[in-house]
Amino acid sequence: MKKRKPSPTSSLKKSATRSATTRSPQAKVPQPVGEKRRTPLPQAHPKPPQDDPAAAKRLARIMAGTSYSSAADDDPAFLRHPLTRGVRLQLDYHKPEVLLREHRIEGTIVVFGSTRTPEPKAAKRQRRAALTALAAHPDSVRLKKELDRAERIVEKSAYYDTARKLGRIISTHAAKKSGPRVVVVTGGGPGIMEAANRGAFDANALSVGLNITLPHEQFPNSYITPQLCFKFHYFAIRKLHFLLRAKAMVAFPGGFGTLDELFETLTLMQTRKIKPMPIILVGESFWKKAVNIDFLAEEGVIDPEDRDLFWYAETAEEVWNGIVEWYRKKGEPLIGTDSEASRPQKA
């Protein structure tokens, strides 16, 4: 009888059966290693003294040296080196940026003003001290000038209350909008900046303070949200953070610092380096004496249209209502899309 040839399919089946019966046992999975080694690595111990008696002293000098004692990111002396300035600039930028994002802060209303404008009761206390000093030395020209200065500070102390009220109005309206936040931001110091942060504090709202390191000791005001009180090394990075999220800028009477921030912002808007936003100068009589913008326009050193980059206001309600109206005319929401949050404030 003729033998039949096995079909290719049956051959494959037999091969698979043989393979299954002769397969090696499954590989044994070892126990996961622990965090600590059972056998220390060679570098876990210094060179034994019996191999080189002088090795220990040399090793101590190496480990105490500036190149080894700290890693680069944990070495203050290295981070202060002139060649690491680029890294410092990045860190100065990134720390507040990270925390502001974590707190979902999308927009800010920046408030500037003099650190030398205290609340009214403190200003009156200074005036009483000046009066007492002058009474003891009535012929002193210096003390007469100090009393005059104290009187002016008492007058300007009303702006402290205005800034505090403004901080409260901004924070109260912004709280009506859920999602990313719009908050008050100041330079973090006393005076007008303290007042604006204090107004937000009154409303149980977040507020930001952007402090700067100076050669002399200083303290941030106590009304800033603790997690949002920053200290910058570079004025340039601080200025950047003032404007990155700014929806408006409000400038109260102030000195060099206030003028610096105001005119830098006006220049950036004049040149359209940044998008236009509301800039309000509180206290028209002060600002018209401090800076004669009309004179600059008449002299031709600025254009007449540059006069429209800002306007004056006197009260917190006027400031807020002006900001709301500016955004209404522009056709953009000030705070998200919540119309309730962007309502004018009654005086």
C-alpha atoms as a PDB file:
ATOM      1  CA  MET A   1       0.000   0.000   0.000  1.00  0.00           C
ATOM      2  CA  LYS A   2       1.246   3.473  -0.903  1.00  0.00           C
ATOM      3  CA  LYS A   3       2.155   5.709   2.118  1.00  0.00           C
ATOM      4  CA  ARG A   4       0.541   9.117   2.225  1.00  0.00           C
ATOM      5  CA  LYS A   5       2.778  12.138   2.654  1.00  0.00           C
ATOM      6  CA  PRO A   6       2.044  14.173   5.773  1.00  0.00           C
ATOM      7  CA  SER A   7       0.328  17.455   4.987  1.00  0.00           C
ATOM      8  CA  PRO A   8       2.189  20.723   5.780  1.00  0.00           C
ATOM      9  CA  THR A   9      -0.519  21.590   8.308  1.00  0.00           C
ATOM     10  CA  SER A  10      -0.113  18.373  10.297  1.00  0.00           C
ATOM     11  CA  SER A  11       3.665  18.847  10.337  1.00  0.00           C
ATOM     12  CA  LEU A  12       3.269  22.298  11.848  1.00  0.00           C
ATOM     13  CA  LYS A  13       0.889  20.955  14.502  1.00  0.00           C
ATOM     14  CA  LYS A  14       3.337  18.228  15.522  1.00  0.00           C
ATOM     15  CA  SER A  15       6.179  20.744  15.671  1.00  0.00           C
ATOM     16  CA  ALA A  16       4.138  23.023  17.915  1.00  0.00           C
ATOM     17  CA  THR A  17       3.249  20.087  20.195  1.00  0.00           C
ATOM     18  CA  ARG A  18       6.894  19.068  20.564  1.00  0.00           C
ATOM     19  CA  SER A  19       7.853  22.685  21.243  1.00  0.00           C
ATOM     20  CA  ALA A  20       5.239  22.974  23.993  1.00  0.00           C
ATOM     21  CA  THR A  21       6.408  19.771  25.712  1.00  0.00           C
ATOM     22  CA  THR A  22      10.090  20.739  25.616  1.00  0.00           C
ATOM     23  CA  ARG A  23       9.643  24.454  26.620  1.00  0.00           C
ATOM     24  CA  SER A  24      11.927  25.583  29.458  1.00  0.00           C
ATOM     25  CA  PRO A  25      10.309  26.522  32.787  1.00  0.00           C
ATOM     26  CA  GLN A  26       9.283  30.185  33.288  1.00  0.00           C
ATOM     27  CA  ALA A  27      12.152  32.479  34.367  1.00  0.00           C
ATOM     28  CA  LYS A  28      12.174  33.274  38.077  1.00  0.00           C
ATOM     29  CA  VAL A  29      11.443  36.975  38.770  1.00  0.00           C
ATOM     30  CA  PRO A  30      13.761  38.277  41.490  1.00  0.00           C
ATOM     31  CA  GLN A  31      12.520  40.122  44.553  1.00  0.00           C
ATOM     32  CA  PRO A  32      12.510  43.931  43.886  1.00  0.00           C
ATOM     33  CA  VAL A  33      15.667  45.473  45.253  1.00  0.00           C
ATOM     34  CA  GLY A  34      15.372  47.793  48.211  1.00  0.00           C
ATOM     35  CA  GLU A  35      16.345  51.441  48.379  1.00  0.00           C
ATOM     36  CA  LYS A  36      19.505  50.536  50.283  1.00  0.00           C
ATOM     37  CA  ARG A  37      22.169  48.301  48.847  1.00  0.00           C
ATOM     38  CA  ARG A  38      23.161  45.129  50.713  1.00  0.00           C
ATOM     39  CA  THR A  39      26.695  45.541  49.414  1.00  0.00           C
ATOM     40  CA  PRO A  40      28.062  49.114  49.537  1.00  0.00           C
ATOM     41  CA  LEU A  41      29.575  50.516  46.356  1.00  0.00           C
ATOM     42  CA  PRO A  42      33.334  51.110  46.381  1.00  0.00           C
ATOM     43  CA  GLN A  43      32.913  54.889  46.636  1.00  0.00           C
ATOM     44  CA  ALA A  44      30.837  54.505  49.817  1.00  0.00           C
ATOM     45  CA  HIS A  45      34.013  54.471  51.886  1.00  0.00           C
ATOM     46  CA  PRO A  46      37.212  56.514  51.668  1.00  0.00           C
ATOM     47  CA  LYS A  47      40.513  54.929  50.859  1.00  0.00           C
ATOM     48  CA  PRO A  48      41.671  52.842  53.849  1.00  0.00           C
ATOM     49  CA  PRO A  49      44.525  54.441  55.843  1.00  0.00           C
ATOM     50  CA  GLN A  50      46.522  51.245  55.701  1.00  0.00           C
ATOM     51  CA  ASP A  51      46.715  51.681  51.919  1.00  0.00           C
ATOM     52  CA  ASP A  52      47.649  55.387  52.053  1.00  0.00           C
ATOM     53  CA  PRO A  53      48.011  57.128  55.444  1.00  0.00           C
ATOM     54  CA  ALA A  54      47.955  60.631  53.845  1.00  0.00           C
ATOM     55  CA  ALA A  55      44.728  60.049  51.881  1.00  0.00           C
ATOM     56  CA  ALA A  56      42.401  61.153  54.685  1.00  0.00           C
ATOM     57  CA  LYS A  57      43.936  64.660  54.947  1.00  0.00           C
ATOM     58  CA  ARG A  58      43.880  65.147  51.212  1.00  0.00           C
ATOM     59  CA  LEU A  59      40.254  64.012  51.057  1.00  0.00           C
ATOM     60  CA  ALA A  60      39.249  66.471  53.803  1.00  0.00           C
ATOM     61  CA  ARG A  61      40.776  69.363  51.825  1.00  0.00           C
ATOM     62  CA  ILE A  62      38.995  68.265  48.658  1.00  0.00           C
ATOM     63  CA  MET A  63      35.609  67.946  50.346  1.00  0.00           C
ATOM     64  CA  ALA A  64      35.949  71.350  52.002  1.00  0.00           C
ATOM     65  CA  GLY A  65      36.881  73.062  48.734  1.00  0.00           C
ATOM     66  CA  THR A  66      34.483  75.449  47.024  1.00  0.00           C
ATOM     67  CA  SER A  67      34.233  73.322  43.875  1.00  0.00           C
ATOM     68  CA  TYR A  68      33.011  70.213  45.736  1.00  0.00           C
ATOM     69  CA  SER A  69      31.340  71.345  48.972  1.00  0.00           C
ATOM     70  CA  SER A  70      28.004  72.203  47.258  1.00  0.00           C
ATOM     71  CA  ALA A  71      26.316  71.352  44.004  1.00  0.00           C
ATOM     72  CA  ALA A  72      25.937  74.329  41.678  1.00  0.00           C
ATOM     73  CA  ASP A  73      22.256  74.868  42.520  1.00  0.00           C
ATOM     74  CA  ASP A  74      23.042  74.829  46.255  1.00  0.00           C
ATOM     75  CA  ASP A  75      26.107  77.075  46.191  1.00  0.00           C
ATOM     76  CA  PRO A  76      25.200  80.715  46.983  1.00  0.00           C
ATOM     77  CA  ALA A  77      28.711  81.978  46.249  1.00  0.00           C
ATOM     78  CA  PHE A  78      28.680  80.393  42.794  1.00  0.00           C
ATOM     79  CA  LEU A  79      25.176  81.662  42.056  1.00  0.00           C
ATOM     80  CA  ARG A  80      26.363  85.196  42.844  1.00  0.00           C
ATOM     81  CA  HIS A  81      29.234  84.923  40.353  1.00  0.00           C
ATOM     82  CA  PRO A  82      29.070  87.426  37.459  1.00  0.00           C
ATOM     83  CA  LEU A  83      28.988  84.590  34.911  1.00  0.00           C
ATOM     84  CA  THR A  84      25.824  83.081  36.446  1.00  0.00           C
ATOM     85  CA  ARG A  85      23.820  86.295  36.054  1.00  0.00           C
ATOM     86  CA  GLY A  86      21.765  84.703  33.288  1.00  0.00           C
ATOM     87  CA  VAL A  87      20.697  81.893  35.613  1.00  0.00           C
ATOM     88  CA  ARG A  88      19.815  84.397  38.343  1.00  0.00           C
ATOM     89  CA  LEU A  89      17.683  86.374  35.901  1.00  0.00           C
ATOM     90  CA  GLN A  90      15.811  83.199  34.970  1.00  0.00           C
ATOM     91  CA  LEU A  91      15.260  82.225  38.599  1.00  0.00           C
ATOM     92  CA  ASP A  92      14.104  85.772  39.422  1.00  0.00           C
ATOM     93  CA  TYR A  93      11.481  85.393  36.693  1.00  0.00           C
ATOM     94  CA  HIS A  94      10.456  81.766  37.214  1.00  0.00           C
ATOM     95  CA  LYS A  95       9.776  81.679  40.964  1.00  0.00           C
ATOM     96  CA  PRO A  96       6.891  84.212  40.943  1.00  0.00           C
ATOM     97  CA  GLU A  97       5.688  82.944  37.571  1.00  0.00           C
ATOM     98  CA  VAL A  98       5.303  79.401  38.895  1.00  0.00           C
ATOM     99  CA  LEU A  99       3.444  80.511  42.029  1.00  0.00           C
ATOM    100  CA  LEU A 100       1.181  82.968  40.209  1.00  0.00           C
ATOM    101  CA  ARG A 101       0.159  80.207  37.810  1.00  0.00           C
ATOM    102  CA  GLU A 102      -0.433  77.779  40.663  1.00  0.00           C
ATOM    103  CA  HIS A 103      -2.836  80.328  42.192  1.00  0.00           C
ATOM    104  CA  ARG A 104      -4.596  80.780  38.801  1.00  0.00           C
ATOM    105  CA  ILE A 105      -3.870  84.510  38.689  1.00  0.00           C
ATOM    106  CA  GLU A 106      -4.627  85.614  35.159  1.00  0.00           C
ATOM    107  CA  GLY A 107      -4.849  89.391  35.506  1.00  0.00           C
ATOM    108  CA  THR A 108      -3.772  92.149  37.848  1.00  0.00           C
ATOM    109  CA  ILE A 109      -4.624  95.749  38.561  1.00  0.00           C
ATOM    110  CA  VAL A 110      -1.379  97.446  39.520  1.00  0.00           C
ATOM    111  CA  VAL A 111      -1.402 100.152  42.173  1.00  0.00           C
ATOM    112  CA  PHE A 112       1.567 102.470  42.693  1.00  0.00           C
ATOM    113  CA  GLY A 113       2.097 105.370  45.068  1.00  0.00           C
ATOM    114  CA  SER A 114       4.387 106.823  47.672  1.00  0.00           C
ATOM    115  CA  THR A 115       5.730 104.687  50.512  1.00  0.00           C
ATOM    116  CA  ARG A 116       5.741 107.944  52.528  1.00  0.00           C
ATOM    117  CA  THR A 117       1.954 108.351  52.571  1.00  0.00           C
ATOM    118  CA  PRO A 118       0.805 106.756  55.830  1.00  0.00           C
ATOM    119  CA  GLU A 119      -2.739 106.225  57.048  1.00  0.00           C
ATOM    120  CA  PRO A 120      -4.324 109.400  58.487  1.00  0.00           C
ATOM    121  CA  LYS A 121      -3.837 108.569  62.179  1.00  0.00           C
ATOM    122  CA  ALA A 122      -0.121 107.947  61.617  1.00  0.00           C
ATOM    123  CA  ALA A 123       0.203 111.179  59.609  1.00  0.00           C
ATOM    124  CA  LYS A 124      -1.453 113.164  62.421  1.00  0.00           C
ATOM    125  CA  ARG A 125       0.898 111.568  64.921  1.00  0.00           C
ATOM    126  CA  GLN A 126       3.856 112.744  62.842  1.00  0.00           C
ATOM    127  CA  ARG A 127       2.391 116.260  62.737  1.00  0.00           C
ATOM    128  CA  ARG A 128       2.006 116.327  66.534  1.00  0.00           C
ATOM    129  CA  ALA A 129       5.638 115.295  66.915  1.00  0.00           C
ATOM    130  CA  ALA A 130       6.688 118.094  64.526  1.00  0.00           C
ATOM    131  CA  LEU A 131       4.616 120.641  66.465  1.00  0.00           C
ATOM    132  CA  THR A 132       6.178 119.537  69.755  1.00  0.00           C
ATOM    133  CA  ALA A 133       9.691 119.780  68.322  1.00  0.00           C
ATOM    134  CA  LEU A 134       9.037 123.268  66.931  1.00  0.00           C
ATOM    135  CA  ALA A 135       7.516 124.458  70.216  1.00  0.00           C
ATOM    136  CA  ALA A 136      10.775 123.595  71.959  1.00  0.00           C
ATOM    137  CA  HIS A 137      12.818 125.467  69.299  1.00  0.00           C
ATOM    138  CA  PRO A 138      10.495 128.090  67.733  1.00  0.00           C
ATOM    139  CA  ASP A 139      13.260 129.831  65.774  1.00  0.00           C
ATOM    140  CA  SER A 140      14.464 126.667  63.974  1.00  0.00           C
ATOM    141  CA  VAL A 141      14.088 127.029  60.200  1.00  0.00           C
ATOM    142  CA  ARG A 142      14.617 123.288  59.766  1.00  0.00           C
ATOM    143  CA  LEU A 143      11.829 122.397  62.200  1.00  0.00           C
ATOM    144  CA  LYS A 144       9.457 124.860  60.515  1.00  0.00           C
ATOM    145  CA  LYS A 145      10.108 123.086  57.207  1.00  0.00           C
ATOM    146  CA  GLU A 146       9.542 119.710  58.843  1.00  0.00           C
ATOM    147  CA  LEU A 147       6.204 120.917  60.221  1.00  0.00           C
ATOM    148  CA  ASP A 148       5.199 122.176  56.773  1.00  0.00           C
ATOM    149  CA  ARG A 149       6.130 118.812  55.309  1.00  0.00           C
ATOM    150  CA  ALA A 150       4.129 117.036  58.038  1.00  0.00           C
ATOM    151  CA  GLU A 151       1.076 119.177  57.207  1.00  0.00           C
ATOM    152  CA  ARG A 152       1.319 118.177  53.554  1.00  0.00           C
ATOM    153  CA  ILE A 153       1.615 114.513  54.486  1.00  0.00           C
ATOM    154  CA  VAL A 154      -1.563 114.825  56.585  1.00  0.00           C
ATOM    155  CA  GLU A 155      -3.348 116.223  53.521  1.00  0.00           C
ATOM    156  CA  LYS A 156      -2.087 113.429  51.278  1.00  0.00           C
ATOM    157  CA  SER A 157      -2.932 110.745  53.851  1.00  0.00           C
ATOM    158  CA  ALA A 158      -6.486 110.855  52.515  1.00  0.00           C
ATOM    159  CA  TYR A 159      -5.108 108.989  49.501  1.00  0.00           C
ATOM    160  CA  TYR A 160      -4.330 106.063  51.822  1.00  0.00           C
ATOM    161  CA  ASP A 161      -8.037 105.652  52.501  1.00  0.00           C
ATOM    162  CA  THR A 162      -8.794 106.014  48.784  1.00  0.00           C
ATOM    163  CA  ALA A 163      -6.264 103.320  47.846  1.00  0.00           C
ATOM    164  CA  ARG A 164      -7.595 101.014  50.568  1.00  0.00           C
ATOM    165  CA  LYS A 165     -11.139 101.461  49.306  1.00  0.00           C
ATOM    166  CA  LEU A 166     -10.003 100.825  45.739  1.00  0.00           C
ATOM    167  CA  GLY A 167      -8.310  97.579  46.757  1.00  0.00           C
ATOM    168  CA  ARG A 168     -11.540  96.479  48.404  1.00  0.00           C
ATOM    169  CA  ILE A 169     -13.686  97.413  45.373  1.00  0.00           C
ATOM    170  CA  ILE A 170     -11.407  95.601  42.922  1.00  0.00           C
ATOM    171  CA  SER A 171     -11.246  92.493  45.072  1.00  0.00           C
ATOM    172  CA  THR A 172     -14.989  92.410  45.757  1.00  0.00           C
ATOM    173  CA  HIS A 173     -15.878  92.627  42.066  1.00  0.00           C
ATOM    174  CA  ALA A 174     -13.193  90.167  40.991  1.00  0.00           C
ATOM    175  CA  ALA A 175     -14.463  87.642  43.550  1.00  0.00           C
ATOM    176  CA  LYS A 176     -17.772  87.446  41.644  1.00  0.00           C
ATOM    177  CA  LYS A 177     -15.951  85.779  38.759  1.00  0.00           C
ATOM    178  CA  SER A 178     -15.067  82.093  39.068  1.00  0.00           C
ATOM    179  CA  GLY A 179     -11.999  80.596  37.410  1.00  0.00           C
ATOM    180  CA  PRO A 180      -8.724  82.496  36.806  1.00  0.00           C
ATOM    181  CA  ARG A 181      -8.328  85.410  39.169  1.00  0.00           C
ATOM    182  CA  VAL A 182      -7.812  89.158  38.746  1.00  0.00           C
ATOM    183  CA  VAL A 183      -6.091  90.586  41.825  1.00  0.00           C
ATOM    184  CA  VAL A 184      -4.481  93.728  43.196  1.00  0.00           C
ATOM    185  CA  VAL A 185      -0.698  93.861  42.833  1.00  0.00           C
ATOM    186  CA  THR A 186       1.617  96.427  44.447  1.00  0.00           C
ATOM    187  CA  GLY A 187       5.302  96.906  45.088  1.00  0.00           C
ATOM    188  CA  GLY A 188       4.758  95.300  48.479  1.00  0.00           C
ATOM    189  CA  GLY A 189       5.928  98.211  50.623  1.00  0.00           C
ATOM    190  CA  PRO A 190       4.239 100.626  53.041  1.00  0.00           C
ATOM    191  CA  GLY A 191       2.140 103.713  52.296  1.00  0.00           C
ATOM    192  CA  ILE A 192      -0.151 103.591  49.280  1.00  0.00           C
ATOM    193  CA  MET A 193       0.962 100.055  48.423  1.00  0.00           C
ATOM    194  CA  GLU A 194       0.045  98.861  51.892  1.00  0.00           C
ATOM    195  CA  ALA A 195      -3.341 100.536  51.568  1.00  0.00           C
ATOM    196  CA  ALA A 196      -4.210  98.730  48.313  1.00  0.00           C
ATOM    197  CA  ASN A 197      -3.133  95.352  49.711  1.00  0.00           C
ATOM    198  CA  ARG A 198      -5.061  96.152  52.881  1.00  0.00           C
ATOM    199  CA  GLY A 199      -8.243  96.786  50.904  1.00  0.00           C
ATOM    200  CA  ALA A 200      -7.938  93.334  49.341  1.00  0.00           C
ATOM    201  CA  PHE A 201      -7.271  91.928  52.815  1.00  0.00           C
ATOM    202  CA  ASP A 202     -10.471  93.610  54.065  1.00  0.00           C
ATOM    203  CA  ALA A 203     -12.353  91.726  51.329  1.00  0.00           C
ATOM    204  CA  ASN A 204     -10.711  88.397  52.273  1.00  0.00           C
ATOM    205  CA  ALA A 205      -9.158  88.294  48.811  1.00  0.00           C
ATOM    206  CA  LEU A 206      -5.736  87.423  47.462  1.00  0.00           C
ATOM    207  CA  SER A 207      -3.299  90.213  46.649  1.00  0.00           C
ATOM    208  CA  VAL A 208       0.281  90.273  45.408  1.00  0.00           C
ATOM    209  CA  GLY A 209       3.348  92.173  46.611  1.00  0.00           C
ATOM    210  CA  LEU A 210       6.435  92.445  44.397  1.00  0.00           C
ATOM    211  CA  ASN A 211       9.239  93.511  46.737  1.00  0.00           C
ATOM    212  CA  ILE A 212      12.828  94.280  45.728  1.00  0.00           C
ATOM    213  CA  THR A 213      16.050  93.610  47.612  1.00  0.00           C
ATOM    214  CA  LEU A 214      17.762  96.827  48.711  1.00  0.00           C
ATOM    215  CA  PRO A 215      21.032  97.489  50.566  1.00  0.00           C
ATOM    216  CA  HIS A 216      19.193  98.448  53.758  1.00  0.00           C
ATOM    217  CA  GLU A 217      16.798  96.311  55.786  1.00  0.00           C
ATOM    218  CA  GLN A 218      13.172  96.424  54.736  1.00  0.00           C
ATOM    219  CA  PHE A 219       9.868  94.712  55.425  1.00  0.00           C
ATOM    220  CA  PRO A 220       6.887  93.930  53.196  1.00  0.00           C
ATOM    221  CA  ASN A 221       3.537  95.195  54.396  1.00  0.00           C
ATOM    222  CA  SER A 222       1.550  92.708  56.447  1.00  0.00           C
ATOM    223  CA  TYR A 223      -1.588  92.654  54.265  1.00  0.00           C
ATOM    224  CA  ILE A 224      -0.134  90.760  51.279  1.00  0.00           C
ATOM    225  CA  THR A 225      -1.214  87.152  50.806  1.00  0.00           C
ATOM    226  CA  PRO A 226       1.737  85.240  52.330  1.00  0.00           C
ATOM    227  CA  GLN A 227       2.091  82.823  49.398  1.00  0.00           C
ATOM    228  CA  LEU A 228       2.131  85.760  46.952  1.00  0.00           C
ATOM    229  CA  CYS A 229       4.699  88.026  48.589  1.00  0.00           C
ATOM    230  CA  PHE A 230       7.803  87.949  46.391  1.00  0.00           C
ATOM    231  CA  LYS A 231      11.307  89.343  46.664  1.00  0.00           C
ATOM    232  CA  PHE A 232      13.156  90.237  43.452  1.00  0.00           C
ATOM    233  CA  HIS A 233      16.858  90.800  42.954  1.00  0.00           C
ATOM    234  CA  TYR A 234      16.552  92.609  39.617  1.00  0.00           C
ATOM    235  CA  PHE A 235      14.401  95.683  39.061  1.00  0.00           C
ATOM    236  CA  ALA A 236      14.040  94.659  35.402  1.00  0.00           C
ATOM    237  CA  ILE A 237      12.382  91.317  36.209  1.00  0.00           C
ATOM    238  CA  ARG A 238      10.176  92.972  38.821  1.00  0.00           C
ATOM    239  CA  LYS A 239       9.032  95.499  36.205  1.00  0.00           C
ATOM    240  CA  LEU A 240       8.302  92.625  33.825  1.00  0.00           C
ATOM    241  CA  HIS A 241       6.018  90.955  36.365  1.00  0.00           C
ATOM    242  CA  PHE A 242       4.229  94.237  37.080  1.00  0.00           C
ATOM    243  CA  LEU A 243       3.093  94.368  33.448  1.00  0.00           C
ATOM    244  CA  LEU A 244       2.816  90.725  32.310  1.00  0.00           C
ATOM    245  CA  ARG A 245      -0.738  90.329  33.627  1.00  0.00           C
ATOM    246  CA  ALA A 246      -1.702  93.989  34.059  1.00  0.00           C
ATOM    247  CA  LYS A 247      -5.276  94.913  33.135  1.00  0.00           C
ATOM    248  CA  ALA A 248      -4.904  98.482  34.421  1.00  0.00           C
ATOM    249  CA  MET A 249      -2.466 100.717  36.292  1.00  0.00           C
ATOM    250  CA  VAL A 250      -3.427 103.180  38.993  1.00  0.00           C
ATOM    251  CA  ALA A 251      -0.831 105.735  40.119  1.00  0.00           C
ATOM    252  CA  PHE A 252      -1.348 107.706  43.319  1.00  0.00           C
ATOM    253  CA  PRO A 253       0.893 110.654  44.222  1.00  0.00           C
ATOM    254  CA  GLY A 254       4.423 109.359  44.612  1.00  0.00           C
ATOM    255  CA  GLY A 255       8.103 109.980  44.085  1.00  0.00           C
ATOM    256  CA  PHE A 256      10.889 108.576  41.932  1.00  0.00           C
ATOM    257  CA  GLY A 257       9.672 104.956  42.065  1.00  0.00           C
ATOM    258  CA  THR A 258       6.110 105.840  41.095  1.00  0.00           C
ATOM    259  CA  LEU A 259       7.285 108.155  38.314  1.00  0.00           C
ATOM    260  CA  ASP A 260       9.684 105.474  37.050  1.00  0.00           C
ATOM    261  CA  GLU A 261       6.992 102.802  36.746  1.00  0.00           C
ATOM    262  CA  LEU A 262       4.431 105.257  35.331  1.00  0.00           C
ATOM    263  CA  PHE A 263       6.619 106.667  32.589  1.00  0.00           C
ATOM    264  CA  GLU A 264       8.065 103.318  31.594  1.00  0.00           C
ATOM    265  CA  THR A 265       4.533 102.007  31.139  1.00  0.00           C
ATOM    266  CA  LEU A 266       3.460 105.123  29.214  1.00  0.00           C
ATOM    267  CA  THR A 267       6.482 104.718  26.925  1.00  0.00           C
ATOM    268  CA  LEU A 268       5.698 101.055  26.278  1.00  0.00           C
ATOM    269  CA  MET A 269       2.106 101.964  25.434  1.00  0.00           C
ATOM    270  CA  GLN A 270       3.127 104.988  23.343  1.00  0.00           C
ATOM    271  CA  THR A 271       5.348 102.759  21.206  1.00  0.00           C
ATOM    272  CA  ARG A 272       2.747  99.931  21.295  1.00  0.00           C
ATOM    273  CA  LYS A 273       5.369  97.622  22.721  1.00  0.00           C
ATOM    274  CA  ILE A 274       2.527  96.514  25.003  1.00  0.00           C
ATOM    275  CA  LYS A 275      -1.196  96.637  24.354  1.00  0.00           C
ATOM    276  CA  PRO A 276      -2.935  99.803  25.601  1.00  0.00           C
ATOM    277  CA  MET A 277      -4.663  99.524  28.970  1.00  0.00           C
ATOM    278  CA  PRO A 278      -6.260 101.994  31.379  1.00  0.00           C
ATOM    279  CA  ILE A 279      -3.822 104.222  33.259  1.00  0.00           C
ATOM    280  CA  ILE A 280      -5.396 106.414  35.914  1.00  0.00           C
ATOM    281  CA  LEU A 281      -3.594 109.130  37.872  1.00  0.00           C
ATOM    282  CA  VAL A 282      -5.296 109.759  41.213  1.00  0.00           C
ATOM    283  CA  GLY A 283      -5.132 113.380  42.388  1.00  0.00           C
ATOM    284  CA  GLU A 284      -5.223 115.720  39.395  1.00  0.00           C
ATOM    285  CA  SER A 285      -3.884 118.744  41.284  1.00  0.00           C
ATOM    286  CA  PHE A 286      -0.801 116.816  42.407  1.00  0.00           C
ATOM    287  CA  TRP A 287      -0.060 115.293  39.028  1.00  0.00           C
ATOM    288  CA  LYS A 288      -0.499 118.527  37.079  1.00  0.00           C
ATOM    289  CA  LYS A 289       2.079 120.169  39.334  1.00  0.00           C
ATOM    290  CA  ALA A 290       4.431 117.180  39.283  1.00  0.00           C
ATOM    291  CA  VAL A 291       4.336 116.623  35.500  1.00  0.00           C
ATOM    292  CA  ASN A 292       3.116 119.112  32.909  1.00  0.00           C
ATOM    293  CA  ILE A 293       1.961 116.781  30.138  1.00  0.00           C
ATOM    294  CA  ASP A 294       0.210 119.594  28.278  1.00  0.00           C
ATOM    295  CA  PHE A 295       3.509 121.481  28.142  1.00  0.00           C
ATOM    296  CA  LEU A 296       5.220 118.430  26.610  1.00  0.00           C
ATOM    297  CA  ALA A 297       2.519 118.249  23.933  1.00  0.00           C
ATOM    298  CA  GLU A 298       2.719 121.999  23.230  1.00  0.00           C
ATOM    299  CA  GLU A 299       6.503 121.760  22.892  1.00  0.00           C
ATOM    300  CA  GLY A 300       6.079 118.970  20.364  1.00  0.00           C
ATOM    301  CA  VAL A 301       8.112 116.391  22.290  1.00  0.00           C
ATOM    302  CA  ILE A 302       5.044 114.134  22.499  1.00  0.00           C
ATOM    303  CA  ASP A 303       2.050 113.914  20.173  1.00  0.00           C
ATOM    304  CA  PRO A 304      -1.367 115.267  21.201  1.00  0.00           C
ATOM    305  CA  GLU A 305      -2.782 111.732  21.013  1.00  0.00           C
ATOM    306  CA  ASP A 306      -0.331 110.621  23.718  1.00  0.00           C
ATOM    307  CA  ARG A 307      -2.393 112.694  26.130  1.00  0.00           C
ATOM    308  CA  ASP A 308      -5.109 110.048  25.778  1.00  0.00           C
ATOM    309  CA  LEU A 309      -2.910 107.311  27.233  1.00  0.00           C
ATOM    310  CA  PHE A 310      -4.153 108.205  30.739  1.00  0.00           C
ATOM    311  CA  TRP A 311      -6.743 110.191  32.646  1.00  0.00           C
ATOM    312  CA  TYR A 312      -7.276 111.642  36.138  1.00  0.00           C
ATOM    313  CA  ALA A 313      -9.583 110.544  38.944  1.00  0.00           C
ATOM    314  CA  GLU A 314     -10.169 111.511  42.555  1.00  0.00           C
ATOM    315  CA  THR A 315     -12.114 108.702  44.227  1.00  0.00           C
ATOM    316  CA  ALA A 316     -11.912 104.918  44.319  1.00  0.00           C
ATOM    317  CA  GLU A 317     -15.319 104.704  42.628  1.00  0.00           C
ATOM    318  CA  GLU A 318     -14.161 106.978  39.797  1.00  0.00           C
ATOM    319  CA  VAL A 319     -11.101 104.804  39.256  1.00  0.00           C
ATOM    320  CA  TRP A 320     -13.076 101.551  39.132  1.00  0.00           C
ATOM    321  CA  ASN A 321     -15.891 102.963  36.988  1.00  0.00           C
ATOM    322  CA  GLY A 322     -13.346 104.429  34.589  1.00  0.00           C
ATOM    323  CA  ILE A 323     -11.621 101.075  34.171  1.00  0.00           C
ATOM    324  CA  VAL A 324     -14.960  99.316  33.578  1.00  0.00           C
ATOM    325  CA  GLU A 325     -16.010 101.989  31.032  1.00  0.00           C
ATOM    326  CA  TRP A 326     -12.666 101.776  29.190  1.00  0.00           C
ATOM    327  CA  TYR A 327     -13.112  98.034  28.677  1.00  0.00           C
ATOM    328  CA  ARG A 328     -16.746  98.501  27.678  1.00  0.00           C
ATOM    329  CA  LYS A 329     -15.714 100.952  24.974  1.00  0.00           C
ATOM    330  CA  LYS A 330     -13.000  98.573  23.805  1.00  0.00           C
ATOM    331  CA  GLY A 331     -15.477  95.729  23.603  1.00  0.00           C
ATOM    332  CA  GLU A 332     -13.502  93.423  25.885  1.00  0.00           C
ATOM    333  CA  PRO A 333     -14.365  92.001  29.303  1.00  0.00           C
ATOM    334  CA  LEU A 334     -12.258  93.261  32.197  1.00  0.00           C
ATOM    335  CA  ILE A 335     -12.788  90.129  34.277  1.00  0.00           C
ATOM    336  CA  GLY A 336     -13.703  87.086  32.238  1.00  0.00           C
ATOM    337  CA  THR A 337     -17.221  87.196  30.816  1.00  0.00           C
ATOM    338  CA  ASP A 338     -19.118  87.835  34.048  1.00  0.00           C
ATOM    339  CA  SER A 339     -21.051  91.078  33.572  1.00  0.00           C
ATOM    340  CA  GLU A 340     -21.871  91.181  37.277  1.00  0.00           C
ATOM    341  CA  ALA A 341     -18.144  91.332  38.089  1.00  0.00           C
ATOM    342  CA  SER A 342     -17.606  94.280  35.754  1.00  0.00           C
ATOM    343  CA  ARG A 343     -20.370  96.571  36.956  1.00  0.00           C
ATOM    344  CA  PRO A 344     -19.719 100.210  37.812  1.00  0.00           C
ATOM    345  CA  GLN A 345     -19.456 101.074  41.487  1.00  0.00           C
ATOM    346  CA  LYS A 346     -21.835 103.595  43.039  1.00  0.00           C
ATOM    347  CA  ALA A 347     -20.169 106.497  44.797  1.00  0.00           C
END
